[in-house]
């Protein structure tokens, strides 16, 4: 079983990945943020470092997926390779923060890699409004995220909605604005119940 959690910055992906990995006894795989050599520079100068950052994430997630497909374990992944390709990179390009040349190169690399991987058995999309995202970002207090602009989060949210509305493989949308699964067990239970229903539908 390959379960993946998708969602904007601050939607609660890492928290839910941890909770679900414990509940289902799945092996968690987290987004490589703390060890990413480009992320701090990116938030300081997005235009200069956007291509470097996206290539780093693409390579990291692709290698993770290859390892997971070989191991045949029950795993849960924090963020997917599709979010980089269909949301973050196009958004940077549309904002003028990634050149057309770099964006087209990125797209060609992604398309080559995408032919060799399988989508998650179930993708869980965490839909969150801007106030929820900002609140969660402030709570975790990552210094490099202090400079994230509201318009950047808004643009990402719009792209997430466009992407998930056209995503064909099995997926589940969780409305997280009214949930607090980081602190309320009953909210975790609600999410698990929804996921359990979807997983049962796979067999």
Protein backbone atom coordinates (compact mmCIF):
# COMPACT_ATOMS: atom_id res chain seq x y z
CA UNK A 1 0.00 0.00 0.00
CA UNK A 2 1.32 3.40 -1.06
CA UNK A 3 -0.49 6.27 0.66
CA UNK A 4 0.45 9.91 -0.04
CA UNK A 5 -0.50 13.18 1.65
CA UNK A 6 -0.77 16.30 -0.52
CA UNK A 7 -1.46 19.91 0.36
CA UNK A 8 -0.19 23.47 0.46
CA UNK A 9 2.56 24.77 2.73
CA UNK A 10 1.22 24.58 6.30
CA UNK A 11 -1.76 22.33 5.50
CA UNK A 12 -0.68 19.73 8.07
CA UNK A 13 0.89 17.08 5.82
CA UNK A 14 3.79 16.19 8.11
CA UNK A 15 1.59 16.01 11.20
CA UNK A 16 -0.95 13.76 9.50
CA UNK A 17 1.78 11.61 7.95
CA UNK A 18 3.18 10.96 11.44
CA UNK A 19 -0.23 10.18 12.96
CA UNK A 20 -1.29 7.86 10.16
CA UNK A 21 2.04 6.04 10.03
CA UNK A 22 1.60 5.17 13.70
CA UNK A 23 -2.05 4.16 13.32
CA UNK A 24 -1.54 1.95 10.26
CA UNK A 25 2.03 0.94 11.09
CA UNK A 26 3.13 2.29 7.70
CA UNK A 27 6.69 3.45 7.07
CA UNK A 28 6.69 7.28 6.86
CA UNK A 29 8.68 9.22 4.26
CA UNK A 30 8.96 12.93 4.89
CA UNK A 31 9.69 15.87 2.61
CA UNK A 32 13.40 16.68 2.61
CA UNK A 33 13.18 20.22 3.99
CA UNK A 34 15.66 20.55 6.82
CA UNK A 35 18.54 19.07 4.79
CA UNK A 36 17.63 20.85 1.57
CA UNK A 37 20.65 23.00 0.64
CA UNK A 38 18.57 25.44 -1.43
CA UNK A 39 15.45 26.19 0.57
CA UNK A 40 16.75 29.07 2.72
CA UNK A 41 18.33 30.74 -0.30
CA UNK A 42 15.12 30.23 -2.26
CA UNK A 43 12.95 32.14 0.20
CA UNK A 44 15.51 34.94 0.21
CA UNK A 45 15.76 35.14 -3.60
CA UNK A 46 13.12 33.03 -5.36
CA UNK A 47 14.07 34.05 -8.88
CA UNK A 48 17.71 33.07 -8.47
CA UNK A 49 17.14 29.71 -6.78
CA UNK A 50 13.73 28.47 -8.05
CA UNK A 51 15.09 26.08 -10.68
CA UNK A 52 17.74 24.67 -8.33
CA UNK A 53 15.15 24.09 -5.60
CA UNK A 54 12.64 22.40 -7.89
CA UNK A 55 15.24 20.12 -9.45
CA UNK A 56 16.45 19.14 -5.98
CA UNK A 57 12.90 18.25 -4.87
CA UNK A 58 12.18 16.42 -8.12
CA UNK A 59 15.30 14.27 -7.81
CA UNK A 60 14.72 13.62 -4.10
CA UNK A 61 11.09 12.56 -4.52
CA UNK A 62 11.79 10.48 -7.61
CA UNK A 63 14.51 8.50 -5.84
CA UNK A 64 12.21 8.00 -2.86
CA UNK A 65 9.47 6.60 -5.12
CA UNK A 66 11.92 4.23 -6.83
CA UNK A 67 13.04 2.91 -3.46
CA UNK A 68 9.45 2.47 -2.33
CA UNK A 69 8.47 0.55 -5.47
CA UNK A 70 11.40 -1.82 -4.98
CA UNK A 71 10.79 -2.42 -1.27
CA UNK A 72 7.09 -3.28 -1.60
CA UNK A 73 6.39 -2.00 1.92
CA UNK A 74 3.32 -0.25 3.27
CA UNK A 75 4.40 3.39 3.17
CA UNK A 76 3.01 6.88 3.57
CA UNK A 77 4.63 9.86 1.84
CA UNK A 78 4.59 13.52 2.87
CA UNK A 79 3.97 15.44 -0.42
CA UNK A 80 4.07 13.97 -3.92
CA UNK A 81 6.19 14.44 -7.00
CA UNK A 82 3.09 15.73 -8.83
CA UNK A 83 2.80 18.80 -6.61
CA UNK A 84 6.23 19.99 -7.69
CA UNK A 85 5.45 19.46 -11.37
CA UNK A 86 1.86 20.69 -11.56
CA UNK A 87 1.77 23.33 -8.82
CA UNK A 88 5.06 24.73 -7.56
CA UNK A 89 7.12 24.88 -10.76
CA UNK A 90 4.26 26.29 -12.93
CA UNK A 91 3.46 28.82 -10.22
CA UNK A 92 7.04 30.04 -10.08
CA UNK A 93 7.07 30.33 -13.86
CA UNK A 94 3.78 32.28 -13.99
CA UNK A 95 5.05 34.67 -11.30
CA UNK A 96 8.18 35.38 -13.33
CA UNK A 97 10.33 33.63 -10.73
CA UNK A 98 11.47 30.86 -13.09
CA UNK A 99 12.53 31.54 -16.66
CA UNK A 100 10.68 29.88 -19.52
CA UNK A 101 13.88 28.08 -20.51
CA UNK A 102 14.30 26.61 -17.02
CA UNK A 103 10.61 25.74 -16.75
CA UNK A 104 10.58 23.89 -20.07
CA UNK A 105 13.73 22.01 -19.07
CA UNK A 106 12.10 21.08 -15.77
CA UNK A 107 8.95 19.86 -17.53
CA UNK A 108 10.92 17.66 -19.93
CA UNK A 109 12.83 16.07 -17.06
CA UNK A 110 9.61 15.43 -15.12
CA UNK A 111 7.85 13.87 -18.10
CA UNK A 112 10.79 11.51 -18.64
CA UNK A 113 10.72 10.44 -14.99
CA UNK A 114 6.94 10.26 -14.74
CA UNK A 115 6.78 7.40 -17.26
CA UNK A 116 8.73 5.18 -14.86
CA UNK A 117 6.67 5.59 -11.67
CA UNK A 118 3.21 4.63 -10.45
CA UNK A 119 0.81 6.97 -8.63
CA UNK A 120 -0.11 6.38 -4.97
CA UNK A 121 -2.80 3.79 -4.25
CA UNK A 122 -4.58 6.59 -2.41
CA UNK A 123 -3.77 10.29 -2.38
CA UNK A 124 -5.15 12.37 0.51
CA UNK A 125 -5.44 16.07 -0.31
CA UNK A 126 -5.59 18.45 2.65
CA UNK A 127 -7.63 21.46 1.58
CA UNK A 128 -6.94 24.50 3.78
CA UNK A 129 -7.75 28.21 3.59
CA UNK A 130 -5.09 30.91 3.85
CA UNK A 131 -5.78 31.72 7.57
CA UNK A 132 -5.23 28.05 8.49
CA UNK A 133 -2.03 27.87 6.45
CA UNK A 134 -0.61 31.05 7.97
CA UNK A 135 -1.52 29.93 11.49
CA UNK A 136 0.23 26.57 11.04
CA UNK A 137 3.29 28.16 9.42
CA UNK A 138 3.63 30.58 12.34
CA UNK A 139 3.16 27.80 14.88
CA UNK A 140 6.04 25.71 13.59
CA UNK A 141 8.34 28.73 13.43
CA UNK A 142 10.68 27.83 10.60
CA UNK A 143 12.85 30.90 10.11
CA UNK A 144 13.13 30.52 6.34
CA UNK A 145 9.31 30.58 6.05
CA UNK A 146 8.99 34.02 7.64
CA UNK A 147 9.21 35.68 4.24
CA UNK A 148 6.45 33.63 2.55
CA UNK A 149 3.94 36.08 1.05
CA UNK A 150 0.16 35.70 1.28
CA UNK A 151 -0.21 36.09 -2.46
CA UNK A 152 2.23 33.21 -2.94
CA UNK A 153 0.10 30.92 -0.73
CA UNK A 154 -3.07 32.09 -2.49
CA UNK A 155 -1.65 31.31 -5.92
CA UNK A 156 -0.58 27.86 -4.72
CA UNK A 157 -4.04 27.17 -3.31
CA UNK A 158 -5.61 28.07 -6.66
CA UNK A 159 -3.26 25.70 -8.46
CA UNK A 160 -3.93 22.92 -5.95
CA UNK A 161 -7.66 23.23 -6.62
CA UNK A 162 -7.10 23.09 -10.37
CA UNK A 163 -4.84 20.08 -10.03
CA UNK A 164 -6.98 18.01 -7.69
CA UNK A 165 -10.11 18.64 -9.78
CA UNK A 166 -8.34 16.93 -12.72
CA UNK A 167 -6.51 14.21 -10.75
CA UNK A 168 -7.89 10.87 -11.98
CA UNK A 169 -6.37 8.18 -9.69
CA UNK A 170 -8.10 7.38 -6.39
CA UNK A 171 -7.99 10.31 -3.98
CA UNK A 172 -9.69 11.75 -0.93
CA UNK A 173 -10.19 15.44 -0.07
CA UNK A 174 -10.05 16.40 3.61
CA UNK A 175 -11.35 19.85 4.63
CA UNK A 176 -8.91 20.80 7.38
CA UNK A 177 -10.05 24.33 8.34
CA UNK A 178 -12.45 22.96 10.94
CA UNK A 179 -10.15 20.16 12.08
CA UNK A 180 -7.25 20.07 14.52
CA UNK A 181 -5.81 16.60 14.18
CA UNK A 182 -2.56 17.78 15.77
CA UNK A 183 -4.32 18.17 19.14
CA UNK A 184 -7.74 16.49 18.97
CA UNK A 185 -7.96 12.70 18.86
CA UNK A 186 -11.58 12.84 17.66
CA UNK A 187 -10.48 14.80 14.60
CA UNK A 188 -7.79 12.22 13.88
CA UNK A 189 -10.49 9.58 14.16
CA UNK A 190 -12.65 11.36 11.58
CA UNK A 191 -9.79 11.47 9.09
CA UNK A 192 -8.88 7.83 9.70
CA UNK A 193 -12.51 6.79 9.18
CA UNK A 194 -12.61 8.54 5.80
CA UNK A 195 -9.28 7.03 4.75
CA UNK A 196 -10.35 3.58 5.94
CA UNK A 197 -13.44 3.75 3.73
CA UNK A 198 -11.33 4.63 0.71
CA UNK A 199 -8.72 1.95 1.42
CA UNK A 200 -11.44 -0.70 1.74
CA UNK A 201 -12.64 0.33 -1.71
CA UNK A 202 -9.26 -0.71 -3.13
CA UNK A 203 -9.82 -4.38 -2.35
